[in-house]
N, C-alpha and C. Protein backbone atom coordinates (compact mmCIF):
# COMPACT_ATOMS: atom_id res chain seq x y z
N MET A 1 3.93 -17.30 37.05
CA MET A 1 4.11 -16.64 35.77
C MET A 1 4.27 -15.13 35.99
N HIS A 2 3.43 -14.58 36.88
CA HIS A 2 3.47 -13.15 37.16
C HIS A 2 4.83 -12.76 37.75
N ARG A 3 5.34 -13.58 38.63
CA ARG A 3 6.65 -13.34 39.26
C ARG A 3 7.76 -13.41 38.22
N LEU A 4 7.69 -14.33 37.28
CA LEU A 4 8.68 -14.47 36.22
C LEU A 4 8.72 -13.22 35.34
N LEU A 5 7.56 -12.66 35.04
CA LEU A 5 7.49 -11.43 34.24
C LEU A 5 8.15 -10.26 34.97
N HIS A 6 7.94 -10.19 36.29
CA HIS A 6 8.59 -9.13 37.08
C HIS A 6 10.10 -9.29 37.06
N ILE A 7 10.58 -10.50 37.18
CA ILE A 7 12.03 -10.75 37.17
C ILE A 7 12.62 -10.39 35.81
N ILE A 8 11.95 -10.75 34.74
CA ILE A 8 12.42 -10.42 33.40
C ILE A 8 12.43 -8.91 33.19
N ALA A 9 11.37 -8.25 33.63
CA ALA A 9 11.29 -6.79 33.49
C ALA A 9 12.39 -6.11 34.30
N LEU A 10 12.63 -6.59 35.51
CA LEU A 10 13.68 -6.02 36.35
C LEU A 10 15.06 -6.25 35.73
N ALA A 11 15.29 -7.44 35.20
CA ALA A 11 16.57 -7.74 34.55
C ALA A 11 16.78 -6.84 33.33
N ALA A 12 15.72 -6.64 32.55
CA ALA A 12 15.82 -5.77 31.38
C ALA A 12 16.12 -4.33 31.80
N LEU A 13 15.50 -3.87 32.86
CA LEU A 13 15.73 -2.52 33.36
C LEU A 13 17.17 -2.35 33.84
N VAL A 14 17.68 -3.33 34.56
CA VAL A 14 19.07 -3.30 35.04
C VAL A 14 20.03 -3.26 33.85
N MET A 15 19.77 -4.07 32.84
CA MET A 15 20.64 -4.08 31.66
C MET A 15 20.60 -2.73 30.94
N LEU A 16 19.43 -2.17 30.81
CA LEU A 16 19.30 -0.86 30.16
C LEU A 16 20.06 0.21 30.93
N LEU A 17 19.89 0.22 32.23
CA LEU A 17 20.57 1.22 33.05
C LEU A 17 22.08 1.03 33.04
N SER A 18 22.55 -0.20 33.05
CA SER A 18 24.00 -0.44 33.04
C SER A 18 24.60 -0.02 31.70
N CYS A 19 23.90 -0.27 30.61
CA CYS A 19 24.37 0.18 29.30
C CYS A 19 24.40 1.69 29.25
N ARG A 20 23.36 2.30 29.74
CA ARG A 20 23.25 3.76 29.72
C ARG A 20 24.32 4.39 30.60
N HIS A 21 24.66 3.75 31.71
CA HIS A 21 25.69 4.28 32.60
C HIS A 21 27.03 4.32 31.90
N GLY A 22 27.39 3.27 31.14
CA GLY A 22 28.66 3.24 30.41
C GLY A 22 28.72 4.33 29.36
N GLN A 23 27.62 4.56 28.66
CA GLN A 23 27.57 5.60 27.65
C GLN A 23 27.58 6.97 28.31
N GLY A 24 26.95 7.10 29.43
CA GLY A 24 26.82 8.38 30.09
C GLY A 24 28.15 8.97 30.53
N ALA A 25 29.08 8.14 30.98
CA ALA A 25 30.37 8.65 31.44
C ALA A 25 31.14 9.30 30.29
N ALA A 26 31.23 8.63 29.16
CA ALA A 26 31.93 9.21 28.01
C ALA A 26 31.18 10.43 27.50
N ARG A 27 29.87 10.36 27.46
CA ARG A 27 29.07 11.49 26.97
C ARG A 27 29.24 12.71 27.87
N ALA A 28 29.32 12.48 29.17
CA ALA A 28 29.52 13.60 30.10
C ALA A 28 30.87 14.29 29.83
N LEU A 29 31.90 13.49 29.55
CA LEU A 29 33.21 14.07 29.22
C LEU A 29 33.16 14.83 27.90
N LEU A 30 32.44 14.30 26.93
CA LEU A 30 32.30 14.98 25.64
C LEU A 30 31.57 16.31 25.82
N ASP A 31 30.51 16.30 26.61
CA ASP A 31 29.75 17.53 26.87
C ASP A 31 30.63 18.56 27.57
N ARG A 32 31.43 18.10 28.52
CA ARG A 32 32.35 19.01 29.25
C ARG A 32 33.38 19.59 28.28
N ALA A 33 33.94 18.76 27.42
CA ALA A 33 34.94 19.23 26.44
C ALA A 33 34.31 20.23 25.48
N GLU A 34 33.08 19.96 25.07
CA GLU A 34 32.39 20.87 24.15
C GLU A 34 32.18 22.24 24.80
N ALA A 35 31.87 22.25 26.07
CA ALA A 35 31.68 23.52 26.79
C ALA A 35 33.00 24.26 26.97
N LEU A 36 34.09 23.53 27.13
CA LEU A 36 35.41 24.14 27.32
C LEU A 36 36.03 24.69 26.03
N THR A 37 35.70 24.09 24.91
CA THR A 37 36.39 24.40 23.66
C THR A 37 36.43 25.88 23.29
N PRO A 38 35.33 26.63 23.38
CA PRO A 38 35.41 28.04 22.96
C PRO A 38 36.40 28.88 23.77
N SER A 39 36.44 28.69 25.08
CA SER A 39 37.29 29.55 25.91
C SER A 39 38.60 28.91 26.35
N ARG A 40 38.62 27.59 26.43
CA ARG A 40 39.83 26.89 26.90
C ARG A 40 40.09 25.66 26.03
N PRO A 41 40.43 25.89 24.76
CA PRO A 41 40.62 24.75 23.86
C PRO A 41 41.75 23.81 24.27
N ASP A 42 42.77 24.33 24.94
CA ASP A 42 43.86 23.47 25.39
C ASP A 42 43.38 22.49 26.45
N SER A 43 42.51 22.95 27.35
CA SER A 43 41.94 22.05 28.36
C SER A 43 41.00 21.04 27.72
N ALA A 44 40.22 21.50 26.75
CA ALA A 44 39.31 20.60 26.04
C ALA A 44 40.12 19.53 25.30
N LEU A 45 41.21 19.95 24.68
CA LEU A 45 42.06 19.01 23.95
C LEU A 45 42.63 17.94 24.88
N ALA A 46 43.13 18.36 26.03
CA ALA A 46 43.67 17.38 27.00
C ALA A 46 42.58 16.42 27.46
N LEU A 47 41.40 16.93 27.72
CA LEU A 47 40.28 16.08 28.15
C LEU A 47 39.91 15.09 27.06
N LEU A 48 39.78 15.58 25.83
CA LEU A 48 39.39 14.71 24.71
C LEU A 48 40.45 13.64 24.44
N GLU A 49 41.71 14.00 24.55
CA GLU A 49 42.78 13.02 24.33
C GLU A 49 42.83 11.97 25.43
N SER A 50 42.23 12.28 26.59
CA SER A 50 42.24 11.31 27.69
C SER A 50 41.10 10.29 27.60
N ILE A 51 40.16 10.51 26.70
CA ILE A 51 39.02 9.60 26.58
C ILE A 51 39.42 8.40 25.73
N PRO A 52 39.41 7.20 26.29
CA PRO A 52 39.77 6.02 25.49
C PRO A 52 38.70 5.76 24.42
N ALA A 53 39.15 5.46 23.22
CA ALA A 53 38.22 5.20 22.11
C ALA A 53 37.27 4.07 22.45
N THR A 54 37.71 3.11 23.26
CA THR A 54 36.87 1.97 23.62
C THR A 54 35.70 2.37 24.51
N SER A 55 35.77 3.55 25.15
CA SER A 55 34.68 3.97 26.02
C SER A 55 33.59 4.72 25.25
N LEU A 56 33.83 5.00 23.98
CA LEU A 56 32.87 5.73 23.17
C LEU A 56 31.88 4.78 22.52
N HIS A 57 30.63 5.16 22.59
CA HIS A 57 29.59 4.38 21.92
C HIS A 57 29.76 4.57 20.41
N PRO A 58 29.79 3.49 19.63
CA PRO A 58 29.93 3.64 18.17
C PRO A 58 28.81 4.50 17.61
N GLY A 59 29.13 5.29 16.64
CA GLY A 59 28.12 6.16 16.03
C GLY A 59 28.26 7.57 16.52
N GLU A 60 27.23 8.05 17.20
CA GLU A 60 27.18 9.46 17.58
C GLU A 60 28.32 9.89 18.50
N GLU A 61 28.63 9.12 19.53
CA GLU A 61 29.71 9.52 20.45
C GLU A 61 31.06 9.52 19.75
N THR A 62 31.30 8.54 18.91
CA THR A 62 32.56 8.49 18.17
C THR A 62 32.66 9.69 17.22
N ALA A 63 31.57 10.01 16.54
CA ALA A 63 31.56 11.16 15.62
C ALA A 63 31.76 12.47 16.38
N LEU A 64 31.08 12.62 17.51
CA LEU A 64 31.22 13.84 18.30
C LEU A 64 32.65 13.98 18.82
N HIS A 65 33.22 12.89 19.28
CA HIS A 65 34.61 12.92 19.75
C HIS A 65 35.54 13.35 18.63
N ALA A 66 35.36 12.80 17.44
CA ALA A 66 36.20 13.16 16.29
C ALA A 66 36.04 14.64 15.95
N LEU A 67 34.81 15.13 15.97
CA LEU A 67 34.56 16.54 15.68
C LEU A 67 35.19 17.44 16.73
N LEU A 68 34.94 17.15 18.00
CA LEU A 68 35.46 18.00 19.07
C LEU A 68 36.98 17.97 19.15
N LEU A 69 37.57 16.82 18.92
CA LEU A 69 39.03 16.71 18.94
C LEU A 69 39.64 17.54 17.81
N THR A 70 39.04 17.45 16.62
CA THR A 70 39.51 18.26 15.50
C THR A 70 39.33 19.74 15.79
N GLN A 71 38.18 20.10 16.36
CA GLN A 71 37.89 21.50 16.68
C GLN A 71 38.88 22.04 17.71
N ALA A 72 39.16 21.27 18.73
CA ALA A 72 40.11 21.71 19.76
C ALA A 72 41.51 21.88 19.16
N ARG A 73 41.92 20.97 18.30
CA ARG A 73 43.22 21.10 17.65
C ARG A 73 43.27 22.36 16.78
N TYR A 74 42.19 22.62 16.07
CA TYR A 74 42.10 23.82 15.23
C TYR A 74 42.23 25.07 16.10
N LYS A 75 41.51 25.10 17.21
CA LYS A 75 41.53 26.28 18.08
C LYS A 75 42.86 26.42 18.81
N CYS A 76 43.60 25.33 18.95
CA CYS A 76 44.95 25.38 19.52
C CYS A 76 46.01 25.63 18.44
N MET A 77 45.54 25.90 17.24
CA MET A 77 46.37 26.29 16.09
C MET A 77 47.29 25.18 15.58
N TYR A 78 46.81 23.95 15.63
CA TYR A 78 47.54 22.85 15.00
C TYR A 78 47.24 22.92 13.50
N ASP A 79 48.22 22.75 12.69
CA ASP A 79 48.01 22.74 11.24
C ASP A 79 47.85 21.29 10.77
N GLU A 80 46.67 20.76 11.01
CA GLU A 80 46.36 19.38 10.66
C GLU A 80 46.39 19.16 9.15
N THR A 81 46.90 18.01 8.73
CA THR A 81 46.83 17.61 7.33
C THR A 81 46.24 16.21 7.18
N ASP A 82 46.04 15.53 8.31
CA ASP A 82 45.46 14.19 8.29
C ASP A 82 43.95 14.31 8.48
N ASP A 83 43.20 13.87 7.48
CA ASP A 83 41.74 14.02 7.52
C ASP A 83 41.01 12.78 8.02
N SER A 84 41.73 11.76 8.48
CA SER A 84 41.07 10.51 8.86
C SER A 84 40.12 10.70 10.04
N LEU A 85 40.48 11.51 11.00
CA LEU A 85 39.63 11.71 12.18
C LEU A 85 38.36 12.49 11.83
N ILE A 86 38.51 13.61 11.14
CA ILE A 86 37.34 14.43 10.84
C ILE A 86 36.40 13.74 9.85
N ARG A 87 36.92 12.84 9.04
CA ARG A 87 36.04 12.12 8.12
C ARG A 87 35.06 11.20 8.87
N ILE A 88 35.44 10.77 10.06
CA ILE A 88 34.50 10.01 10.90
C ILE A 88 33.30 10.89 11.21
N ALA A 89 33.57 12.13 11.57
CA ALA A 89 32.48 13.07 11.91
C ALA A 89 31.67 13.43 10.68
N THR A 90 32.33 13.73 9.56
CA THR A 90 31.55 14.13 8.37
C THR A 90 30.69 12.98 7.89
N SER A 91 31.20 11.76 7.95
CA SER A 91 30.40 10.60 7.53
C SER A 91 29.14 10.48 8.37
N TRP A 92 29.28 10.68 9.67
CA TRP A 92 28.13 10.56 10.57
C TRP A 92 27.15 11.72 10.36
N TYR A 93 27.65 12.94 10.43
CA TYR A 93 26.75 14.10 10.40
C TYR A 93 26.17 14.37 9.02
N ASP A 94 26.80 13.87 7.97
CA ASP A 94 26.21 14.01 6.63
C ASP A 94 24.97 13.14 6.46
N THR A 95 24.80 12.16 7.36
CA THR A 95 23.64 11.27 7.25
C THR A 95 22.68 11.40 8.45
N HIS A 96 22.96 12.31 9.37
CA HIS A 96 22.10 12.51 10.53
C HIS A 96 21.75 13.99 10.63
N ARG A 97 20.62 14.28 11.21
CA ARG A 97 20.08 15.65 11.20
C ARG A 97 20.60 16.49 12.37
N ASP A 98 21.82 16.97 12.21
CA ASP A 98 22.39 17.92 13.15
C ASP A 98 23.13 18.95 12.30
N THR A 99 22.41 19.97 11.89
CA THR A 99 22.93 20.93 10.92
C THR A 99 24.18 21.63 11.43
N ARG A 100 24.19 22.03 12.70
CA ARG A 100 25.36 22.75 13.23
C ARG A 100 26.61 21.87 13.19
N ARG A 101 26.50 20.66 13.66
CA ARG A 101 27.68 19.79 13.68
C ARG A 101 28.07 19.36 12.27
N ARG A 102 27.11 19.20 11.40
CA ARG A 102 27.42 18.90 10.00
C ARG A 102 28.20 20.06 9.38
N MET A 103 27.77 21.27 9.66
CA MET A 103 28.46 22.45 9.15
C MET A 103 29.89 22.50 9.68
N LEU A 104 30.05 22.29 10.97
CA LEU A 104 31.39 22.34 11.57
C LEU A 104 32.29 21.22 11.02
N ALA A 105 31.74 20.02 10.90
CA ALA A 105 32.54 18.91 10.38
C ALA A 105 33.03 19.20 8.97
N ASN A 106 32.17 19.73 8.13
CA ASN A 106 32.58 20.04 6.76
C ASN A 106 33.56 21.21 6.73
N PHE A 107 33.37 22.19 7.61
CA PHE A 107 34.31 23.30 7.70
C PHE A 107 35.70 22.79 8.06
N TYR A 108 35.79 21.97 9.12
CA TYR A 108 37.10 21.48 9.56
C TYR A 108 37.73 20.56 8.52
N LEU A 109 36.92 19.76 7.84
CA LEU A 109 37.47 18.94 6.77
C LEU A 109 38.02 19.83 5.66
N GLY A 110 37.27 20.87 5.30
CA GLY A 110 37.75 21.82 4.29
C GLY A 110 39.05 22.48 4.71
N TYR A 111 39.14 22.84 5.99
CA TYR A 111 40.35 23.46 6.52
C TYR A 111 41.56 22.51 6.42
N ILE A 112 41.36 21.28 6.82
CA ILE A 112 42.46 20.29 6.75
C ILE A 112 42.88 20.06 5.31
N LEU A 113 41.91 19.95 4.41
CA LEU A 113 42.24 19.77 2.99
C LEU A 113 42.97 20.99 2.44
N MET A 114 42.62 22.17 2.89
CA MET A 114 43.32 23.39 2.50
C MET A 114 44.78 23.31 2.96
N ASN A 115 44.99 22.88 4.20
CA ASN A 115 46.36 22.74 4.72
C ASN A 115 47.18 21.75 3.91
N ARG A 116 46.50 20.76 3.37
CA ARG A 116 47.17 19.72 2.60
C ARG A 116 47.39 20.14 1.14
N GLY A 117 46.74 21.23 0.73
CA GLY A 117 46.87 21.70 -0.65
C GLY A 117 45.86 21.09 -1.60
N SER A 118 44.86 20.41 -1.07
CA SER A 118 43.80 19.82 -1.89
C SER A 118 42.68 20.85 -2.04
N TYR A 119 42.96 21.89 -2.84
CA TYR A 119 42.07 23.04 -2.89
C TYR A 119 40.69 22.75 -3.46
N GLY A 120 40.61 21.94 -4.50
CA GLY A 120 39.30 21.65 -5.11
C GLY A 120 38.36 20.99 -4.12
N GLU A 121 38.84 19.96 -3.44
CA GLU A 121 38.01 19.27 -2.45
C GLU A 121 37.73 20.17 -1.24
N SER A 122 38.71 20.99 -0.88
CA SER A 122 38.54 21.92 0.23
C SER A 122 37.41 22.91 -0.07
N VAL A 123 37.40 23.46 -1.29
CA VAL A 123 36.36 24.41 -1.67
C VAL A 123 34.98 23.75 -1.59
N ARG A 124 34.89 22.52 -2.04
CA ARG A 124 33.61 21.81 -2.01
C ARG A 124 33.07 21.71 -0.58
N HIS A 125 33.92 21.37 0.38
CA HIS A 125 33.47 21.26 1.77
C HIS A 125 33.20 22.63 2.38
N MET A 126 34.00 23.62 2.03
CA MET A 126 33.75 24.98 2.54
C MET A 126 32.42 25.52 2.02
N LEU A 127 32.11 25.24 0.75
CA LEU A 127 30.84 25.72 0.21
C LEU A 127 29.65 25.02 0.84
N LEU A 128 29.80 23.74 1.17
CA LEU A 128 28.74 23.04 1.90
C LEU A 128 28.58 23.64 3.29
N ALA A 129 29.71 23.90 3.95
CA ALA A 129 29.66 24.54 5.27
C ALA A 129 29.02 25.93 5.17
N GLU A 130 29.32 26.66 4.08
CA GLU A 130 28.71 27.97 3.88
C GLU A 130 27.19 27.85 3.78
N ASP A 131 26.72 26.90 3.00
CA ASP A 131 25.28 26.69 2.85
C ASP A 131 24.63 26.39 4.20
N LEU A 132 25.25 25.54 4.98
CA LEU A 132 24.70 25.17 6.28
C LEU A 132 24.75 26.33 7.27
N ALA A 133 25.86 27.09 7.25
CA ALA A 133 25.97 28.26 8.13
C ALA A 133 24.93 29.32 7.76
N THR A 134 24.63 29.43 6.46
CA THR A 134 23.60 30.36 6.01
C THR A 134 22.24 29.92 6.54
N GLN A 135 21.95 28.62 6.48
CA GLN A 135 20.69 28.11 7.04
C GLN A 135 20.58 28.40 8.53
N LEU A 136 21.71 28.31 9.22
CA LEU A 136 21.74 28.54 10.67
C LEU A 136 21.81 30.03 11.02
N LYS A 137 22.00 30.86 10.01
CA LYS A 137 22.17 32.31 10.21
C LYS A 137 23.35 32.59 11.15
N ASP A 138 24.44 31.85 10.95
CA ASP A 138 25.64 31.98 11.77
C ASP A 138 26.64 32.89 11.05
N THR A 139 26.51 34.17 11.28
CA THR A 139 27.33 35.17 10.59
C THR A 139 28.81 35.03 10.93
N PHE A 140 29.12 34.73 12.18
CA PHE A 140 30.53 34.56 12.56
C PHE A 140 31.16 33.42 11.78
N GLN A 141 30.50 32.26 11.77
CA GLN A 141 31.06 31.10 11.06
C GLN A 141 31.16 31.38 9.57
N LEU A 142 30.18 32.10 9.01
CA LEU A 142 30.26 32.49 7.60
C LEU A 142 31.50 33.33 7.35
N GLY A 143 31.79 34.27 8.24
CA GLY A 143 32.99 35.09 8.09
C GLY A 143 34.26 34.26 8.08
N ILE A 144 34.31 33.25 8.94
CA ILE A 144 35.50 32.37 9.00
C ILE A 144 35.58 31.50 7.74
N ILE A 145 34.45 31.00 7.29
CA ILE A 145 34.43 30.21 6.06
C ILE A 145 34.92 31.06 4.89
N TYR A 146 34.41 32.29 4.78
CA TYR A 146 34.82 33.17 3.69
C TYR A 146 36.31 33.51 3.79
N ARG A 147 36.81 33.68 5.01
CA ARG A 147 38.24 33.95 5.18
C ARG A 147 39.07 32.78 4.64
N ASN A 148 38.63 31.56 4.94
CA ASN A 148 39.37 30.40 4.45
C ASN A 148 39.24 30.25 2.93
N LEU A 149 38.06 30.56 2.39
CA LEU A 149 37.92 30.54 0.93
C LEU A 149 38.84 31.58 0.29
N CYS A 150 38.98 32.73 0.91
CA CYS A 150 39.91 33.76 0.44
C CYS A 150 41.34 33.20 0.41
N ILE A 151 41.74 32.52 1.46
CA ILE A 151 43.08 31.94 1.54
C ILE A 151 43.27 30.87 0.45
N ILE A 152 42.27 30.02 0.28
CA ILE A 152 42.36 28.96 -0.73
C ILE A 152 42.55 29.56 -2.12
N PHE A 153 41.70 30.53 -2.46
CA PHE A 153 41.81 31.13 -3.79
C PHE A 153 43.09 31.93 -3.94
N GLY A 154 43.57 32.52 -2.86
CA GLY A 154 44.87 33.21 -2.91
C GLY A 154 46.00 32.23 -3.17
N ASN A 155 45.97 31.10 -2.46
CA ASN A 155 47.01 30.07 -2.66
C ASN A 155 46.96 29.47 -4.06
N ALA A 156 45.76 29.43 -4.63
CA ALA A 156 45.58 28.88 -5.97
C ALA A 156 45.78 29.96 -7.05
N ASN A 157 46.16 31.17 -6.63
CA ASN A 157 46.39 32.29 -7.56
C ASN A 157 45.16 32.63 -8.39
N ILE A 158 44.01 32.66 -7.74
CA ILE A 158 42.77 33.06 -8.40
C ILE A 158 42.33 34.35 -7.69
N GLY A 159 42.97 35.46 -8.10
CA GLY A 159 42.84 36.74 -7.41
C GLY A 159 41.44 37.28 -7.31
N GLN A 160 40.65 37.15 -8.36
CA GLN A 160 39.30 37.72 -8.35
C GLN A 160 38.45 37.05 -7.26
N GLN A 161 38.51 35.73 -7.16
CA GLN A 161 37.76 35.01 -6.13
C GLN A 161 38.33 35.31 -4.74
N GLU A 162 39.64 35.46 -4.66
CA GLU A 162 40.27 35.79 -3.38
C GLU A 162 39.72 37.12 -2.86
N ILE A 163 39.65 38.12 -3.70
CA ILE A 163 39.14 39.43 -3.31
C ILE A 163 37.65 39.34 -2.94
N HIS A 164 36.91 38.61 -3.75
CA HIS A 164 35.47 38.42 -3.49
C HIS A 164 35.23 37.87 -2.08
N TYR A 165 35.95 36.81 -1.73
CA TYR A 165 35.74 36.20 -0.41
C TYR A 165 36.35 37.02 0.71
N ALA A 166 37.39 37.78 0.44
CA ALA A 166 37.94 38.68 1.46
C ALA A 166 36.90 39.74 1.83
N ARG A 167 36.21 40.27 0.85
CA ARG A 167 35.16 41.26 1.11
C ARG A 167 34.00 40.64 1.89
N LYS A 168 33.59 39.45 1.47
CA LYS A 168 32.47 38.78 2.16
C LYS A 168 32.83 38.49 3.62
N SER A 169 34.06 38.05 3.84
CA SER A 169 34.51 37.78 5.20
C SER A 169 34.50 39.05 6.03
N ALA A 170 35.06 40.11 5.48
CA ALA A 170 35.10 41.39 6.21
C ALA A 170 33.69 41.89 6.52
N ASP A 171 32.79 41.76 5.57
CA ASP A 171 31.40 42.20 5.79
C ASP A 171 30.74 41.43 6.92
N CYS A 172 30.92 40.11 6.92
CA CYS A 172 30.32 39.28 7.98
C CYS A 172 30.89 39.62 9.35
N LEU A 173 32.20 39.71 9.43
CA LEU A 173 32.83 39.94 10.71
C LEU A 173 32.54 41.35 11.22
N ARG A 174 32.47 42.31 10.32
CA ARG A 174 32.11 43.67 10.71
C ARG A 174 30.67 43.72 11.22
N ALA A 175 29.79 42.94 10.59
CA ALA A 175 28.37 42.92 10.98
C ALA A 175 28.18 42.46 12.42
N ILE A 176 29.08 41.65 12.92
CA ILE A 176 28.95 41.18 14.30
C ILE A 176 29.95 41.85 15.23
N GLY A 177 30.63 42.88 14.72
CA GLY A 177 31.54 43.66 15.56
C GLY A 177 32.92 43.06 15.72
N LYS A 178 33.29 42.13 14.86
CA LYS A 178 34.63 41.54 14.91
C LYS A 178 35.45 42.12 13.76
N THR A 179 36.68 42.44 14.04
CA THR A 179 37.59 42.89 12.98
C THR A 179 38.84 42.04 13.04
N GLU A 180 39.34 41.70 11.86
CA GLU A 180 40.57 40.91 11.78
C GLU A 180 41.49 41.52 10.77
């Protein structure tokens, strides 16, 4: 009986490690892409596009891949209008406690909706991203959010709000030494 318990425990350990190994490879690539995105978004994009969807663990890895792929495309200046990918990330992060990634997912969704001309829905996601960036005290991201809100209100011909957000964006970016 004692020997049978050892065999079962060993088999369970092997199964756990083999499952973890499969998840670890995709996760390592995601972590590498996340590190590359700020300085080398083109390299991050190529890496993310090389990861087969079947190698991603459903849930967190799939959501992170969707977020990072959208982020890399944004930083490579793609004018995305298809929100299907980023909605995977917003669905996940809106129900899980990762404030930074939730903020980014909503920001990128708002950006894509802005590109598509869906200004009302875009504003809703930008304002949620603003709230989350405020909680995180992320002045740079707030400046970018306000810049996009300025663009949205400008495109919608709402001049007073456009000016309001242009000032807020300038204030945030100036506060951290960035000028645009």
